[in-house]
Amino acid sequence: QVQVVESGGGLVHAGGSLRLACVASGSSSDIAYMGWFRQAPEKQRELVAEVVVGIRTTYSDSVKGRFTISGVNAQNTVYLQMNSLNPKDTGVYYCSVRPVGSPYSYWGQGTQVTVSS
């Protein structure tokens, strides 16, 4: 059984920064991909950034150049450094992990990020 726990959300003014952290526990084969999603009010959940540690990172166009995802493979930990935040970044941020070739299926409880203008 894989468990995923996020931390680090909060309230910040526009232009500020936050760092989210996520720790996953379970089989390493189930944690090959680690991703951050967000869900704004009345919008669908979207993938913000994804990492395969030591191999590649991908970002949505809306956060490219402002957010940085990084992982520590041995600790099954992933971070999301968010800079130059704006109100459109407001939402619940979820960490999720998945095995190779499978959809994201293990989710954390989510952490609220609120950016005030």
C-alpha atoms as a PDB file:
ATOM      1  CA  GLN A   1       0.000   0.000   0.000  1.00  0.00           C
ATOM      2  CA  VAL A   2       1.410   3.384  -1.040  1.00  0.00           C
ATOM      3  CA  GLN A   3       0.842   6.399   1.178  1.00  0.00           C
ATOM      4  CA  VAL A   4       1.418   9.968   0.055  1.00  0.00           C
ATOM      5  CA  VAL A   5       1.642  12.957   2.381  1.00  0.00           C
ATOM      6  CA  GLU A   6       2.025  16.605   1.326  1.00  0.00           C
ATOM      7  CA  SER A   7       3.019  19.641   3.344  1.00  0.00           C
ATOM      8  CA  GLY A   8       3.925  23.267   2.845  1.00  0.00           C
ATOM      9  CA  GLY A   9       0.853  25.068   1.570  1.00  0.00           C
ATOM     10  CA  GLY A  10      -0.316  28.422   2.865  1.00  0.00           C
ATOM     11  CA  LEU A  11      -1.213  32.006   2.092  1.00  0.00           C
ATOM     12  CA  VAL A  12       1.181  34.246   0.199  1.00  0.00           C
ATOM     13  CA  HIS A  13       1.024  37.598  -1.571  1.00  0.00           C
ATOM     14  CA  ALA A  14       1.376  37.799  -5.333  1.00  0.00           C
ATOM     15  CA  GLY A  15       5.031  37.643  -6.318  1.00  0.00           C
ATOM     16  CA  GLY A  16       5.912  35.518  -3.324  1.00  0.00           C
ATOM     17  CA  SER A  17       7.187  31.960  -3.048  1.00  0.00           C
ATOM     18  CA  LEU A  18       6.195  28.704  -1.409  1.00  0.00           C
ATOM     19  CA  ARG A  19       7.771  25.293  -1.255  1.00  0.00           C
ATOM     20  CA  LEU A  20       5.684  22.145  -1.133  1.00  0.00           C
ATOM     21  CA  ALA A  21       7.001  18.795   0.004  1.00  0.00           C
ATOM     22  CA  CYS A  22       5.695  15.290  -0.528  1.00  0.00           C
ATOM     23  CA  VAL A  23       6.801  12.001   0.943  1.00  0.00           C
ATOM     24  CA  ALA A  24       5.636   8.680  -0.427  1.00  0.00           C
ATOM     25  CA  SER A  25       5.997   5.346   1.321  1.00  0.00           C
ATOM     26  CA  GLY A  26       5.638   1.964  -0.279  1.00  0.00           C
ATOM     27  CA  SER A  27       7.138  -0.074  -3.062  1.00  0.00           C
ATOM     28  CA  SER A  28       9.693   1.825  -5.131  1.00  0.00           C
ATOM     29  CA  SER A  29       8.213   0.359  -8.293  1.00  0.00           C
ATOM     30  CA  ASP A  30       4.945   2.156  -7.499  1.00  0.00           C
ATOM     31  CA  ILE A  31       6.767   5.470  -7.065  1.00  0.00           C
ATOM     32  CA  ALA A  32       8.615   5.690 -10.371  1.00  0.00           C
ATOM     33  CA  TYR A  33       6.849   8.919 -11.342  1.00  0.00           C
ATOM     34  CA  MET A  34       6.054  11.683  -8.871  1.00  0.00           C
ATOM     35  CA  GLY A  35       3.805  14.535  -9.829  1.00  0.00           C
ATOM     36  CA  TRP A  36       2.169  17.657  -8.498  1.00  0.00           C
ATOM     37  CA  PHE A  37      -1.379  18.471  -9.518  1.00  0.00           C
ATOM     38  CA  ARG A  38      -3.560  21.393  -8.620  1.00  0.00           C
ATOM     39  CA  GLN A  39      -7.280  22.002  -8.603  1.00  0.00           C
ATOM     40  CA  ALA A  40      -8.612  25.531  -8.665  1.00  0.00           C
ATOM     41  CA  PRO A  41     -12.185  26.223  -7.564  1.00  0.00           C
ATOM     42  CA  GLU A  42     -14.693  24.915 -10.113  1.00  0.00           C
ATOM     43  CA  LYS A  43     -11.923  23.658 -12.382  1.00  0.00           C
ATOM     44  CA  GLN A  44     -10.581  20.247 -13.229  1.00  0.00           C
ATOM     45  CA  ARG A  45      -7.462  18.917 -11.607  1.00  0.00           C
ATOM     46  CA  GLU A  46      -4.413  19.550 -13.775  1.00  0.00           C
ATOM     47  CA  LEU A  47      -0.872  18.223 -13.821  1.00  0.00           C
ATOM     48  CA  VAL A  48       1.527  21.018 -12.902  1.00  0.00           C
ATOM     49  CA  ALA A  49       4.856  19.208 -12.857  1.00  0.00           C
ATOM     50  CA  GLU A  50       6.209  15.698 -12.971  1.00  0.00           C
ATOM     51  CA  VAL A  51       9.572  14.150 -12.212  1.00  0.00           C
ATOM     52  CA  VAL A  52      11.264  10.864 -12.891  1.00  0.00           C
ATOM     53  CA  VAL A  53      14.168  11.369 -10.531  1.00  0.00           C
ATOM     54  CA  GLY A  54      17.471  11.593 -12.299  1.00  0.00           C
ATOM     55  CA  ILE A  55      15.860  11.279 -15.715  1.00  0.00           C
ATOM     56  CA  ARG A  56      13.518  14.101 -16.582  1.00  0.00           C
ATOM     57  CA  THR A  57      11.118  16.759 -15.432  1.00  0.00           C
ATOM     58  CA  THR A  58       8.087  18.182 -17.212  1.00  0.00           C
ATOM     59  CA  TYR A  59       5.988  21.261 -16.521  1.00  0.00           C
ATOM     60  CA  SER A  60       2.713  22.703 -17.651  1.00  0.00           C
ATOM     61  CA  ASP A  61       3.036  25.858 -19.718  1.00  0.00           C
ATOM     62  CA  SER A  62       1.337  27.882 -16.995  1.00  0.00           C
ATOM     63  CA  VAL A  63       4.155  27.285 -14.488  1.00  0.00           C
ATOM     64  CA  LYS A  64       7.200  26.807 -16.705  1.00  0.00           C
ATOM     65  CA  GLY A  65      10.002  29.115 -15.612  1.00  0.00           C
ATOM     66  CA  ARG A  66       8.404  29.803 -12.231  1.00  0.00           C
ATOM     67  CA  PHE A  67       8.063  26.382 -10.592  1.00  0.00           C
ATOM     68  CA  THR A  68      10.779  23.793 -10.050  1.00  0.00           C
ATOM     69  CA  ILE A  69      10.140  20.161  -9.206  1.00  0.00           C
ATOM     70  CA  SER A  70      12.888  18.094  -7.641  1.00  0.00           C
ATOM     71  CA  GLY A  71      13.072  14.690  -6.072  1.00  0.00           C
ATOM     72  CA  VAL A  72      15.209  12.646  -3.756  1.00  0.00           C
ATOM     73  CA  ASN A  73      14.936   9.102  -5.006  1.00  0.00           C
ATOM     74  CA  ALA A  74      16.277   7.332  -1.953  1.00  0.00           C
ATOM     75  CA  GLN A  75      13.777   9.129   0.267  1.00  0.00           C
ATOM     76  CA  ASN A  76      10.789   8.957  -2.111  1.00  0.00           C
ATOM     77  CA  THR A  77      10.471  12.683  -1.588  1.00  0.00           C
ATOM     78  CA  VAL A  78       9.517  15.344  -4.090  1.00  0.00           C
ATOM     79  CA  TYR A  79       9.496  19.111  -3.721  1.00  0.00           C
ATOM     80  CA  LEU A  80       7.782  21.846  -5.654  1.00  0.00           C
ATOM     81  CA  GLN A  81       9.438  25.243  -5.398  1.00  0.00           C
ATOM     82  CA  MET A  82       6.949  27.874  -6.526  1.00  0.00           C
ATOM     83  CA  ASN A  83       8.213  31.366  -7.305  1.00  0.00           C
ATOM     84  CA  SER A  84       6.552  34.478  -8.724  1.00  0.00           C
ATOM     85  CA  LEU A  85       3.184  33.233  -7.552  1.00  0.00           C
ATOM     86  CA  ASN A  86       0.048  34.921  -8.835  1.00  0.00           C
ATOM     87  CA  PRO A  87      -3.636  34.569  -7.887  1.00  0.00           C
ATOM     88  CA  LYS A  88      -4.197  32.101 -10.746  1.00  0.00           C
ATOM     89  CA  ASP A  89      -1.950  29.671  -8.876  1.00  0.00           C
ATOM     90  CA  THR A  90      -4.502  29.442  -6.078  1.00  0.00           C
ATOM     91  CA  GLY A  91      -5.898  25.983  -5.495  1.00  0.00           C
ATOM     92  CA  VAL A  92      -5.472  22.692  -3.714  1.00  0.00           C
ATOM     93  CA  TYR A  93      -2.191  21.067  -4.633  1.00  0.00           C
ATOM     94  CA  TYR A  94      -2.008  17.294  -4.666  1.00  0.00           C
ATOM     95  CA  CYS A  95       0.995  15.044  -4.819  1.00  0.00           C
ATOM     96  CA  SER A  96       0.605  11.774  -6.636  1.00  0.00           C
ATOM     97  CA  VAL A  97       2.803   8.860  -7.615  1.00  0.00           C
ATOM     98  CA  ARG A  98       2.541   6.074 -10.152  1.00  0.00           C
ATOM     99  CA  PRO A  99       4.368   3.088 -11.594  1.00  0.00           C
ATOM    100  CA  VAL A 100       5.765   3.089 -15.106  1.00  0.00           C
ATOM    101  CA  GLY A 101       3.029   2.661 -17.689  1.00  0.00           C
ATOM    102  CA  SER A 102       0.152   3.284 -15.286  1.00  0.00           C
ATOM    103  CA  PRO A 103      -1.990   6.317 -14.513  1.00  0.00           C
ATOM    104  CA  TYR A 104      -1.562   8.312 -11.340  1.00  0.00           C
ATOM    105  CA  SER A 105      -3.403   6.316  -8.715  1.00  0.00           C
ATOM    106  CA  TYR A 106      -1.897   7.112  -5.329  1.00  0.00           C
ATOM    107  CA  TRP A 107      -2.827  10.526  -3.976  1.00  0.00           C
ATOM    108  CA  GLY A 108      -2.131  12.689  -0.987  1.00  0.00           C
ATOM    109  CA  GLN A 109      -4.782  14.567   0.899  1.00  0.00           C
ATOM    110  CA  GLY A 110      -3.926  17.887  -0.747  1.00  0.00           C
ATOM    111  CA  THR A 111      -2.591  21.153   0.595  1.00  0.00           C
ATOM    112  CA  GLN A 112      -4.181  24.566   0.061  1.00  0.00           C
ATOM    113  CA  VAL A 113      -2.214  27.314  -1.675  1.00  0.00           C
ATOM    114  CA  THR A 114      -3.778  30.767  -1.698  1.00  0.00           C
ATOM    115  CA  VAL A 115      -2.184  33.701  -3.494  1.00  0.00           C
ATOM    116  CA  SER A 116      -3.624  37.102  -2.710  1.00  0.00           C
ATOM    117  CA  SER A 117      -3.410  40.015  -5.105  1.00  0.00           C
END
